[in-house]
N, C-alpha and C. Protein backbone atom coordinates (compact mmCIF):
# COMPACT_ATOMS: atom_id res chain seq x y z
N MET A 1 -17.92 14.95 -131.88
CA MET A 1 -19.04 14.10 -131.50
C MET A 1 -20.11 14.99 -130.87
N ASP A 2 -21.34 14.84 -131.31
CA ASP A 2 -22.43 15.69 -130.86
C ASP A 2 -23.26 14.94 -129.82
N PHE A 3 -23.20 15.43 -128.57
CA PHE A 3 -23.94 14.80 -127.48
C PHE A 3 -25.28 15.48 -127.22
N SER A 4 -25.64 16.50 -127.99
CA SER A 4 -26.88 17.23 -127.72
C SER A 4 -28.11 16.34 -127.90
N ASN A 5 -28.08 15.45 -128.88
CA ASN A 5 -29.21 14.55 -129.09
C ASN A 5 -29.29 13.52 -127.95
N PHE A 6 -28.13 13.06 -127.47
CA PHE A 6 -28.11 12.09 -126.38
C PHE A 6 -28.67 12.70 -125.10
N PHE A 7 -28.23 13.91 -124.78
CA PHE A 7 -28.65 14.54 -123.54
C PHE A 7 -30.09 15.07 -123.60
N SER A 8 -30.63 15.27 -124.78
CA SER A 8 -31.99 15.79 -124.88
C SER A 8 -33.03 14.74 -124.49
N HIS A 9 -32.70 13.45 -124.62
CA HIS A 9 -33.65 12.39 -124.29
C HIS A 9 -33.50 11.87 -122.87
N LEU A 10 -32.60 12.43 -122.10
CA LEU A 10 -32.39 11.95 -120.73
C LEU A 10 -33.51 12.42 -119.81
N THR A 11 -34.15 11.48 -119.18
CA THR A 11 -35.12 11.80 -118.14
C THR A 11 -34.40 11.70 -116.80
N PRO A 12 -35.00 12.18 -115.73
CA PRO A 12 -34.34 12.03 -114.42
C PRO A 12 -34.06 10.57 -114.04
N ALA A 13 -34.96 9.66 -114.44
CA ALA A 13 -34.75 8.25 -114.10
C ALA A 13 -33.56 7.68 -114.87
N THR A 14 -33.43 8.00 -116.15
CA THR A 14 -32.31 7.46 -116.92
C THR A 14 -30.99 8.09 -116.49
N SER A 15 -31.00 9.37 -116.18
CA SER A 15 -29.75 9.98 -115.71
C SER A 15 -29.36 9.41 -114.34
N PHE A 16 -30.35 9.14 -113.48
CA PHE A 16 -30.06 8.51 -112.20
C PHE A 16 -29.51 7.10 -112.41
N PHE A 17 -30.04 6.40 -113.43
CA PHE A 17 -29.54 5.06 -113.75
C PHE A 17 -28.08 5.12 -114.17
N TYR A 18 -27.73 6.08 -115.03
CA TYR A 18 -26.34 6.19 -115.50
C TYR A 18 -25.39 6.55 -114.36
N VAL A 19 -25.79 7.47 -113.51
CA VAL A 19 -24.95 7.85 -112.37
C VAL A 19 -24.80 6.66 -111.42
N LEU A 20 -25.89 5.97 -111.15
CA LEU A 20 -25.86 4.82 -110.25
C LEU A 20 -25.02 3.68 -110.84
N SER A 21 -25.12 3.48 -112.14
CA SER A 21 -24.31 2.44 -112.80
C SER A 21 -22.83 2.78 -112.72
N PHE A 22 -22.50 4.04 -112.96
CA PHE A 22 -21.10 4.46 -112.86
C PHE A 22 -20.57 4.25 -111.45
N LEU A 23 -21.35 4.63 -110.44
CA LEU A 23 -20.92 4.43 -109.05
C LEU A 23 -20.79 2.96 -108.69
N THR A 24 -21.70 2.13 -109.20
CA THR A 24 -21.63 0.70 -108.93
C THR A 24 -20.36 0.09 -109.50
N ILE A 25 -20.05 0.42 -110.74
CA ILE A 25 -18.84 -0.11 -111.37
C ILE A 25 -17.60 0.43 -110.68
N LEU A 26 -17.60 1.70 -110.33
CA LEU A 26 -16.45 2.30 -109.64
C LEU A 26 -16.22 1.64 -108.28
N CYS A 27 -17.28 1.49 -107.50
CA CYS A 27 -17.14 0.85 -106.18
C CYS A 27 -16.75 -0.61 -106.31
N GLY A 28 -17.28 -1.30 -107.32
CA GLY A 28 -16.88 -2.69 -107.56
C GLY A 28 -15.41 -2.82 -107.90
N LEU A 29 -14.91 -1.90 -108.72
CA LEU A 29 -13.48 -1.92 -109.02
C LEU A 29 -12.64 -1.59 -107.79
N MET A 30 -13.12 -0.68 -106.97
CA MET A 30 -12.36 -0.32 -105.77
C MET A 30 -12.33 -1.45 -104.76
N VAL A 31 -13.34 -2.33 -104.78
CA VAL A 31 -13.31 -3.52 -103.91
C VAL A 31 -12.09 -4.36 -104.26
N ILE A 32 -11.81 -4.49 -105.54
CA ILE A 32 -10.69 -5.31 -105.99
C ILE A 32 -9.37 -4.58 -105.82
N LEU A 33 -9.34 -3.29 -106.10
CA LEU A 33 -8.08 -2.56 -106.14
C LEU A 33 -7.63 -2.00 -104.80
N ALA A 34 -8.49 -1.97 -103.80
CA ALA A 34 -8.11 -1.40 -102.51
C ALA A 34 -7.07 -2.28 -101.83
N LYS A 35 -6.03 -1.65 -101.29
CA LYS A 35 -4.97 -2.38 -100.60
C LYS A 35 -5.40 -2.80 -99.20
N ASN A 36 -6.15 -1.94 -98.53
CA ASN A 36 -6.59 -2.21 -97.17
C ASN A 36 -7.86 -3.05 -97.22
N PRO A 37 -7.91 -4.20 -96.54
CA PRO A 37 -9.12 -5.04 -96.61
C PRO A 37 -10.35 -4.38 -96.01
N ILE A 38 -10.18 -3.51 -95.02
CA ILE A 38 -11.33 -2.82 -94.44
C ILE A 38 -11.91 -1.84 -95.45
N HIS A 39 -11.05 -1.14 -96.19
CA HIS A 39 -11.55 -0.24 -97.23
C HIS A 39 -12.27 -1.04 -98.32
N SER A 40 -11.76 -2.23 -98.61
CA SER A 40 -12.40 -3.07 -99.60
C SER A 40 -13.81 -3.45 -99.17
N VAL A 41 -14.00 -3.79 -97.91
CA VAL A 41 -15.33 -4.13 -97.39
C VAL A 41 -16.24 -2.91 -97.43
N LEU A 42 -15.72 -1.75 -97.12
CA LEU A 42 -16.54 -0.54 -97.16
C LEU A 42 -16.98 -0.22 -98.59
N TYR A 43 -16.09 -0.44 -99.56
CA TYR A 43 -16.49 -0.26 -100.96
C TYR A 43 -17.54 -1.29 -101.36
N LEU A 44 -17.45 -2.50 -100.81
CA LEU A 44 -18.45 -3.52 -101.10
C LEU A 44 -19.81 -3.12 -100.54
N ILE A 45 -19.82 -2.51 -99.37
CA ILE A 45 -21.08 -2.00 -98.82
C ILE A 45 -21.67 -0.92 -99.72
N ALA A 46 -20.82 -0.03 -100.22
CA ALA A 46 -21.30 1.00 -101.15
C ALA A 46 -21.84 0.38 -102.43
N THR A 47 -21.21 -0.69 -102.90
CA THR A 47 -21.71 -1.40 -104.08
C THR A 47 -23.09 -1.99 -103.83
N PHE A 48 -23.29 -2.56 -102.64
CA PHE A 48 -24.61 -3.11 -102.31
C PHE A 48 -25.67 -2.02 -102.25
N PHE A 49 -25.32 -0.84 -101.73
CA PHE A 49 -26.28 0.25 -101.71
C PHE A 49 -26.62 0.71 -103.13
N CYS A 50 -25.63 0.76 -104.00
CA CYS A 50 -25.89 1.13 -105.39
C CYS A 50 -26.78 0.10 -106.08
N LEU A 51 -26.54 -1.17 -105.80
CA LEU A 51 -27.40 -2.21 -106.37
C LEU A 51 -28.82 -2.11 -105.85
N SER A 52 -28.98 -1.71 -104.60
CA SER A 52 -30.32 -1.48 -104.07
C SER A 52 -31.01 -0.34 -104.81
N GLY A 53 -30.25 0.67 -105.20
CA GLY A 53 -30.81 1.74 -106.01
C GLY A 53 -31.30 1.23 -107.36
N HIS A 54 -30.57 0.28 -107.95
CA HIS A 54 -31.03 -0.33 -109.20
C HIS A 54 -32.32 -1.12 -108.98
N TYR A 55 -32.41 -1.82 -107.85
CA TYR A 55 -33.65 -2.55 -107.55
C TYR A 55 -34.84 -1.59 -107.44
N ILE A 56 -34.61 -0.44 -106.83
CA ILE A 56 -35.69 0.54 -106.71
C ILE A 56 -36.10 1.05 -108.08
N LEU A 57 -35.12 1.28 -108.96
CA LEU A 57 -35.45 1.71 -110.32
C LEU A 57 -36.24 0.65 -111.07
N LEU A 58 -36.04 -0.61 -110.72
CA LEU A 58 -36.78 -1.70 -111.37
C LEU A 58 -38.10 -2.01 -110.68
N ASN A 59 -38.49 -1.18 -109.73
CA ASN A 59 -39.74 -1.33 -108.99
C ASN A 59 -39.74 -2.60 -108.14
N ALA A 60 -38.59 -2.92 -107.57
CA ALA A 60 -38.47 -4.09 -106.69
C ALA A 60 -38.03 -3.60 -105.32
N GLN A 61 -38.93 -2.91 -104.64
CA GLN A 61 -38.59 -2.30 -103.36
C GLN A 61 -38.27 -3.34 -102.29
N PHE A 62 -38.96 -4.47 -102.33
CA PHE A 62 -38.70 -5.52 -101.35
C PHE A 62 -37.27 -6.05 -101.48
N LEU A 63 -36.84 -6.31 -102.71
CA LEU A 63 -35.48 -6.79 -102.93
C LEU A 63 -34.45 -5.75 -102.52
N ALA A 64 -34.76 -4.48 -102.73
CA ALA A 64 -33.84 -3.42 -102.30
C ALA A 64 -33.70 -3.40 -100.79
N ALA A 65 -34.81 -3.52 -100.08
CA ALA A 65 -34.76 -3.53 -98.62
C ALA A 65 -34.04 -4.76 -98.09
N VAL A 66 -34.31 -5.92 -98.68
CA VAL A 66 -33.63 -7.15 -98.24
C VAL A 66 -32.15 -7.06 -98.54
N ASN A 67 -31.78 -6.50 -99.67
CA ASN A 67 -30.37 -6.34 -100.02
C ASN A 67 -29.65 -5.47 -98.99
N ILE A 68 -30.27 -4.39 -98.59
CA ILE A 68 -29.64 -3.51 -97.61
C ILE A 68 -29.58 -4.17 -96.24
N ILE A 69 -30.67 -4.80 -95.83
CA ILE A 69 -30.70 -5.40 -94.49
C ILE A 69 -29.76 -6.60 -94.39
N VAL A 70 -29.86 -7.51 -95.36
CA VAL A 70 -29.10 -8.76 -95.26
C VAL A 70 -27.65 -8.57 -95.67
N TYR A 71 -27.42 -8.04 -96.87
CA TYR A 71 -26.05 -7.99 -97.36
C TYR A 71 -25.28 -6.80 -96.81
N ALA A 72 -25.80 -5.60 -97.01
CA ALA A 72 -25.06 -4.42 -96.55
C ALA A 72 -25.04 -4.34 -95.03
N GLY A 73 -25.99 -4.95 -94.37
CA GLY A 73 -26.03 -4.93 -92.92
C GLY A 73 -25.32 -6.11 -92.30
N ALA A 74 -25.97 -7.24 -92.32
CA ALA A 74 -25.50 -8.40 -91.56
C ALA A 74 -24.22 -9.01 -92.13
N ILE A 75 -24.18 -9.27 -93.41
CA ILE A 75 -23.02 -9.95 -94.00
C ILE A 75 -21.78 -9.07 -93.92
N MET A 76 -21.93 -7.78 -94.18
CA MET A 76 -20.76 -6.90 -94.15
C MET A 76 -20.25 -6.70 -92.72
N VAL A 77 -21.13 -6.70 -91.74
CA VAL A 77 -20.67 -6.64 -90.35
C VAL A 77 -19.87 -7.89 -90.02
N LEU A 78 -20.32 -9.02 -90.53
CA LEU A 78 -19.57 -10.27 -90.33
C LEU A 78 -18.22 -10.20 -91.02
N PHE A 79 -18.16 -9.70 -92.24
CA PHE A 79 -16.87 -9.55 -92.94
C PHE A 79 -15.93 -8.63 -92.17
N LEU A 80 -16.45 -7.49 -91.72
CA LEU A 80 -15.60 -6.57 -90.96
C LEU A 80 -15.10 -7.21 -89.68
N PHE A 81 -15.94 -7.96 -89.00
CA PHE A 81 -15.54 -8.62 -87.77
C PHE A 81 -14.43 -9.63 -88.05
N VAL A 82 -14.57 -10.41 -89.10
CA VAL A 82 -13.55 -11.41 -89.43
C VAL A 82 -12.24 -10.74 -89.82
N ILE A 83 -12.31 -9.68 -90.61
CA ILE A 83 -11.09 -9.00 -91.02
C ILE A 83 -10.39 -8.38 -89.81
N MET A 84 -11.14 -7.76 -88.93
CA MET A 84 -10.52 -7.16 -87.75
C MET A 84 -10.02 -8.24 -86.79
N PHE A 85 -10.71 -9.36 -86.73
CA PHE A 85 -10.29 -10.46 -85.85
C PHE A 85 -9.00 -11.09 -86.35
N LEU A 86 -8.87 -11.23 -87.67
CA LEU A 86 -7.66 -11.82 -88.23
C LEU A 86 -6.48 -10.87 -88.22
N ASN A 87 -6.73 -9.56 -88.09
CA ASN A 87 -5.68 -8.55 -88.02
C ASN A 87 -4.77 -8.62 -89.25
N LEU A 88 -5.37 -8.52 -90.43
CA LEU A 88 -4.61 -8.58 -91.67
C LEU A 88 -3.79 -7.30 -91.83
N ARG A 89 -2.58 -7.48 -92.27
CA ARG A 89 -1.68 -6.33 -92.46
C ARG A 89 -1.26 -6.26 -93.92
N GLU A 90 -0.64 -5.14 -94.29
CA GLU A 90 -0.21 -4.96 -95.67
C GLU A 90 0.94 -5.88 -96.02
N GLU A 91 1.80 -6.25 -95.05
CA GLU A 91 2.91 -7.14 -95.39
C GLU A 91 2.42 -8.53 -95.76
N ASP A 92 1.18 -8.88 -95.39
CA ASP A 92 0.62 -10.15 -95.83
C ASP A 92 0.39 -10.15 -97.33
N GLU A 93 0.10 -8.99 -97.89
CA GLU A 93 -0.12 -8.86 -99.33
C GLU A 93 1.18 -9.14 -100.08
N GLU A 94 2.32 -8.74 -99.52
CA GLU A 94 3.60 -8.94 -100.20
C GLU A 94 4.02 -10.40 -100.18
N SER A 95 3.45 -11.20 -99.28
CA SER A 95 3.86 -12.60 -99.18
C SER A 95 3.25 -13.46 -100.28
N LYS A 96 2.32 -12.93 -101.04
CA LYS A 96 1.73 -13.69 -102.13
C LYS A 96 2.74 -13.85 -103.25
N THR A 97 2.89 -15.06 -103.73
CA THR A 97 3.86 -15.31 -104.78
C THR A 97 3.28 -14.88 -106.13
N ASN A 98 4.17 -14.80 -107.10
CA ASN A 98 3.74 -14.44 -108.45
C ASN A 98 2.87 -15.53 -109.06
N LEU A 99 3.10 -16.78 -108.65
CA LEU A 99 2.30 -17.88 -109.18
C LEU A 99 0.84 -17.73 -108.76
N VAL A 100 0.59 -17.31 -107.52
CA VAL A 100 -0.77 -17.10 -107.04
C VAL A 100 -1.42 -15.95 -107.81
N LYS A 101 -0.68 -14.90 -108.06
CA LYS A 101 -1.23 -13.75 -108.80
C LYS A 101 -1.55 -14.13 -110.25
N ILE A 102 -0.67 -14.93 -110.86
CA ILE A 102 -0.91 -15.37 -112.24
C ILE A 102 -2.13 -16.29 -112.30
N ALA A 103 -2.25 -17.20 -111.33
CA ALA A 103 -3.40 -18.10 -111.30
C ALA A 103 -4.69 -17.32 -111.11
N ALA A 104 -4.68 -16.31 -110.25
CA ALA A 104 -5.88 -15.49 -110.04
C ALA A 104 -6.24 -14.73 -111.31
N THR A 105 -5.25 -14.24 -112.03
CA THR A 105 -5.51 -13.52 -113.28
C THR A 105 -6.09 -14.45 -114.34
N VAL A 106 -5.56 -15.68 -114.43
CA VAL A 106 -6.07 -16.64 -115.41
C VAL A 106 -7.51 -17.02 -115.08
N VAL A 107 -7.80 -17.29 -113.81
CA VAL A 107 -9.16 -17.66 -113.42
C VAL A 107 -10.13 -16.50 -113.67
N GLY A 108 -9.72 -15.28 -113.29
CA GLY A 108 -10.57 -14.11 -113.53
C GLY A 108 -10.80 -13.87 -115.01
N GLY A 109 -9.77 -14.01 -115.82
CA GLY A 109 -9.92 -13.84 -117.27
C GLY A 109 -10.83 -14.88 -117.88
N THR A 110 -10.70 -16.13 -117.41
CA THR A 110 -11.57 -17.21 -117.91
C THR A 110 -13.02 -16.93 -117.56
N LEU A 111 -13.27 -16.49 -116.33
CA LEU A 111 -14.65 -16.15 -115.95
C LEU A 111 -15.18 -14.98 -116.77
N GLY A 112 -14.32 -14.01 -117.07
CA GLY A 112 -14.73 -12.89 -117.91
C GLY A 112 -15.09 -13.32 -119.31
N VAL A 113 -14.30 -14.22 -119.90
CA VAL A 113 -14.59 -14.73 -121.25
C VAL A 113 -15.90 -15.51 -121.24
N ILE A 114 -16.12 -16.32 -120.21
CA ILE A 114 -17.38 -17.08 -120.11
C ILE A 114 -18.56 -16.13 -119.98
N LEU A 115 -18.42 -15.07 -119.18
CA LEU A 115 -19.49 -14.09 -119.01
C LEU A 115 -19.82 -13.39 -120.32
N VAL A 116 -18.79 -13.00 -121.07
CA VAL A 116 -19.02 -12.34 -122.35
C VAL A 116 -19.71 -13.30 -123.32
N GLY A 117 -19.28 -14.57 -123.33
CA GLY A 117 -19.91 -15.55 -124.21
C GLY A 117 -21.37 -15.79 -123.87
N VAL A 118 -21.68 -15.87 -122.59
CA VAL A 118 -23.06 -16.07 -122.17
C VAL A 118 -23.91 -14.85 -122.52
N LEU A 119 -23.39 -13.66 -122.30
CA LEU A 119 -24.16 -12.46 -122.60
C LEU A 119 -24.37 -12.27 -124.10
N ARG A 120 -23.45 -12.74 -124.91
CA ARG A 120 -23.64 -12.63 -126.37
C ARG A 120 -24.76 -13.54 -126.85
N LYS A 121 -24.93 -14.70 -126.21
CA LYS A 121 -25.96 -15.65 -126.61
C LYS A 121 -27.31 -15.36 -125.96
N ALA A 122 -27.33 -14.51 -124.93
CA ALA A 122 -28.57 -14.26 -124.19
C ALA A 122 -29.55 -13.46 -125.04
N GLN A 123 -30.82 -13.74 -124.82
CA GLN A 123 -31.87 -12.99 -125.50
C GLN A 123 -32.55 -12.10 -124.48
N PHE A 124 -32.53 -10.83 -124.72
CA PHE A 124 -33.12 -9.87 -123.80
C PHE A 124 -34.49 -9.48 -124.31
N GLY A 125 -35.45 -9.43 -123.39
CA GLY A 125 -36.80 -9.05 -123.74
C GLY A 125 -36.89 -7.55 -123.96
N THR A 126 -37.92 -7.17 -124.67
CA THR A 126 -38.15 -5.75 -124.92
C THR A 126 -39.23 -5.24 -123.97
N TYR A 127 -39.27 -3.97 -123.80
CA TYR A 127 -40.22 -3.33 -122.90
C TYR A 127 -41.48 -2.97 -123.69
N ASN A 128 -42.61 -3.47 -123.22
CA ASN A 128 -43.89 -3.13 -123.82
C ASN A 128 -44.73 -2.47 -122.74
N PRO A 129 -44.99 -1.17 -122.84
CA PRO A 129 -45.71 -0.47 -121.77
C PRO A 129 -47.17 -0.90 -121.63
N TYR A 130 -47.74 -1.56 -122.65
CA TYR A 130 -49.14 -1.95 -122.58
C TYR A 130 -49.36 -3.21 -121.75
N VAL A 131 -48.33 -4.04 -121.60
CA VAL A 131 -48.46 -5.26 -120.80
C VAL A 131 -47.58 -5.19 -119.56
N PHE A 132 -47.14 -4.01 -119.20
CA PHE A 132 -46.26 -3.84 -118.05
C PHE A 132 -47.05 -4.07 -116.76
N ASP A 133 -46.50 -4.90 -115.88
CA ASP A 133 -47.13 -5.19 -114.59
C ASP A 133 -46.40 -4.39 -113.52
N SER A 134 -47.07 -3.42 -112.94
CA SER A 134 -46.42 -2.56 -111.95
C SER A 134 -46.20 -3.27 -110.62
N GLN A 135 -46.80 -4.42 -110.43
CA GLN A 135 -46.65 -5.17 -109.18
C GLN A 135 -45.60 -6.27 -109.29
N ALA A 136 -44.76 -6.23 -110.30
CA ALA A 136 -43.82 -7.31 -110.56
C ALA A 136 -42.81 -7.51 -109.44
N GLY A 137 -42.30 -6.46 -108.83
CA GLY A 137 -41.29 -6.61 -107.80
C GLY A 137 -41.80 -6.47 -106.39
N MET A 138 -43.09 -6.46 -106.22
CA MET A 138 -43.67 -6.28 -104.90
C MET A 138 -43.70 -7.59 -104.13
N VAL A 139 -43.94 -7.48 -102.84
CA VAL A 139 -43.87 -8.63 -101.95
C VAL A 139 -44.95 -9.66 -102.29
N GLU A 140 -46.14 -9.22 -102.63
CA GLU A 140 -47.23 -10.16 -102.90
C GLU A 140 -46.93 -11.03 -104.11
N SER A 141 -46.48 -10.43 -105.21
CA SER A 141 -46.19 -11.23 -106.40
C SER A 141 -44.95 -12.10 -106.18
N LEU A 142 -43.98 -11.61 -105.43
CA LEU A 142 -42.81 -12.42 -105.10
C LEU A 142 -43.20 -13.63 -104.26
N GLY A 143 -44.07 -13.42 -103.29
CA GLY A 143 -44.54 -14.52 -102.46
C GLY A 143 -45.34 -15.54 -103.25
N ASN A 144 -46.17 -15.08 -104.18
CA ASN A 144 -46.94 -16.01 -105.01
C ASN A 144 -46.02 -16.89 -105.86
N VAL A 145 -45.01 -16.28 -106.46
CA VAL A 145 -44.08 -17.06 -107.27
C VAL A 145 -43.27 -18.01 -106.39
N LEU A 146 -42.83 -17.52 -105.24
CA LEU A 146 -41.98 -18.31 -104.36
C LEU A 146 -42.72 -19.51 -103.79
N TYR A 147 -43.95 -19.32 -103.35
CA TYR A 147 -44.68 -20.41 -102.71
C TYR A 147 -45.51 -21.25 -103.67
N ASN A 148 -45.67 -20.83 -104.91
CA ASN A 148 -46.38 -21.65 -105.88
C ASN A 148 -45.42 -22.38 -106.82
N ASP A 149 -44.56 -21.62 -107.49
CA ASP A 149 -43.70 -22.20 -108.51
C ASP A 149 -42.42 -22.82 -107.94
N TYR A 150 -41.89 -22.24 -106.86
CA TYR A 150 -40.60 -22.67 -106.33
C TYR A 150 -40.71 -23.12 -104.88
N LEU A 151 -41.75 -23.84 -104.54
CA LEU A 151 -41.96 -24.27 -103.16
C LEU A 151 -40.90 -25.28 -102.72
N LEU A 152 -40.61 -26.27 -103.54
CA LEU A 152 -39.63 -27.30 -103.16
C LEU A 152 -38.23 -26.72 -102.99
N PRO A 153 -37.70 -25.92 -103.94
CA PRO A 153 -36.37 -25.33 -103.69
C PRO A 153 -36.36 -24.41 -102.47
N PHE A 154 -37.46 -23.71 -102.20
CA PHE A 154 -37.52 -22.83 -101.04
C PHE A 154 -37.43 -23.64 -99.75
N GLU A 155 -38.16 -24.75 -99.68
CA GLU A 155 -38.12 -25.59 -98.49
C GLU A 155 -36.77 -26.29 -98.34
N LEU A 156 -36.17 -26.71 -99.45
CA LEU A 156 -34.84 -27.32 -99.37
C LEU A 156 -33.80 -26.31 -98.88
N ALA A 157 -33.91 -25.07 -99.30
CA ALA A 157 -32.99 -24.04 -98.82
C ALA A 157 -33.18 -23.80 -97.33
N SER A 158 -34.42 -23.85 -96.85
CA SER A 158 -34.64 -23.66 -95.41
C SER A 158 -34.07 -24.81 -94.60
N VAL A 159 -34.15 -26.04 -95.12
CA VAL A 159 -33.53 -27.18 -94.43
C VAL A 159 -32.01 -27.04 -94.44
N LEU A 160 -31.45 -26.56 -95.55
CA LEU A 160 -30.01 -26.34 -95.63
C LEU A 160 -29.55 -25.29 -94.61
N PHE A 161 -30.32 -24.21 -94.48
CA PHE A 161 -29.98 -23.19 -93.48
C PHE A 161 -30.09 -23.74 -92.06
N LEU A 162 -31.08 -24.57 -91.81
CA LEU A 162 -31.22 -25.19 -90.49
C LEU A 162 -30.02 -26.08 -90.17
N ILE A 163 -29.57 -26.86 -91.14
CA ILE A 163 -28.40 -27.70 -90.94
C ILE A 163 -27.15 -26.85 -90.70
N ALA A 164 -27.02 -25.75 -91.44
CA ALA A 164 -25.86 -24.87 -91.25
C ALA A 164 -25.88 -24.24 -89.86
N MET A 165 -27.06 -23.85 -89.37
CA MET A 165 -27.14 -23.28 -88.01
C MET A 165 -26.79 -24.31 -86.95
N ILE A 166 -27.26 -25.53 -87.12
CA ILE A 166 -26.93 -26.59 -86.17
C ILE A 166 -25.42 -26.85 -86.19
N GLY A 167 -24.83 -26.87 -87.38
CA GLY A 167 -23.38 -27.06 -87.49
C GLY A 167 -22.60 -25.94 -86.84
N ALA A 168 -23.06 -24.70 -86.98
CA ALA A 168 -22.38 -23.57 -86.35
C ALA A 168 -22.46 -23.65 -84.84
N VAL A 169 -23.61 -24.07 -84.33
CA VAL A 169 -23.75 -24.23 -82.88
C VAL A 169 -22.84 -25.34 -82.38
N MET A 170 -22.75 -26.43 -83.11
CA MET A 170 -21.89 -27.54 -82.70
C MET A 170 -20.42 -27.15 -82.75
N LEU A 171 -20.02 -26.37 -83.75
CA LEU A 171 -18.62 -25.92 -83.83
C LEU A 171 -18.29 -24.91 -82.74
N GLY A 172 -19.25 -24.08 -82.38
CA GLY A 172 -19.00 -23.05 -81.39
C GLY A 172 -19.19 -23.49 -79.96
N ARG A 173 -19.68 -24.70 -79.76
CA ARG A 173 -19.93 -25.20 -78.41
C ARG A 173 -18.62 -25.45 -77.69
N ARG A 174 -18.55 -25.07 -76.45
CA ARG A 174 -17.35 -25.26 -75.64
C ARG A 174 -17.58 -26.41 -74.68
N GLU A 175 -16.52 -27.16 -74.47
CA GLU A 175 -16.56 -28.23 -73.49
C GLU A 175 -16.31 -27.66 -72.11
N ALA A 176 -16.50 -28.45 -71.08
CA ALA A 176 -16.39 -27.97 -69.69
C ALA A 176 -14.97 -27.49 -69.37
N GLY A 177 -13.93 -28.10 -69.91
CA GLY A 177 -12.56 -27.73 -69.56
C GLY A 177 -11.90 -26.77 -70.53
N ASP A 178 -12.64 -26.27 -71.57
CA ASP A 178 -12.03 -25.38 -72.56
C ASP A 178 -11.75 -24.01 -71.95
N ARG A 179 -10.66 -23.40 -72.44
CA ARG A 179 -10.33 -22.04 -72.02
C ARG A 179 -11.13 -21.05 -72.85
N HIS A 180 -11.44 -19.93 -72.24
CA HIS A 180 -12.13 -18.84 -72.95
C HIS A 180 -11.09 -17.80 -73.30
N PHE A 181 -10.97 -17.49 -74.58
CA PHE A 181 -9.95 -16.55 -75.01
C PHE A 181 -10.45 -15.17 -74.87
């Protein structure tokens, strides 16, 4: 097999894309295959950083920054806190029955088949450099689309987040006679 033609057309951006894609898939697999839940969360953080690299390659710097701040920062700290709070051990992994493992495999396989079916039917656009908009992933164009085309779903999501915050405060509220652990 002759790779000289393949490697001759590689630009730094495409080679960075291939390396980043390989790292993303590798870290995603390690999230699933890691025995230690803390290692799994750390691999998930690495996956989020790799996805932010893909956002930068797509000229969506705002999404890359939000991905790092929200997911790799806040959500992963929450996951690590919960895992350390629950004190999960390796012997908990052995307590899973074969029925649970078989059910997880069937559900994962079904989702994989659905994903392949959807991707086979999907129509992907082609790249035309003459009509390329360099401001597509920037904050201004994202804000215009968000507040013009998707104003109602955006406001409904904000009401949903408000309700979730009120619920969290109500669940976390302590009564006068409660013990503090």
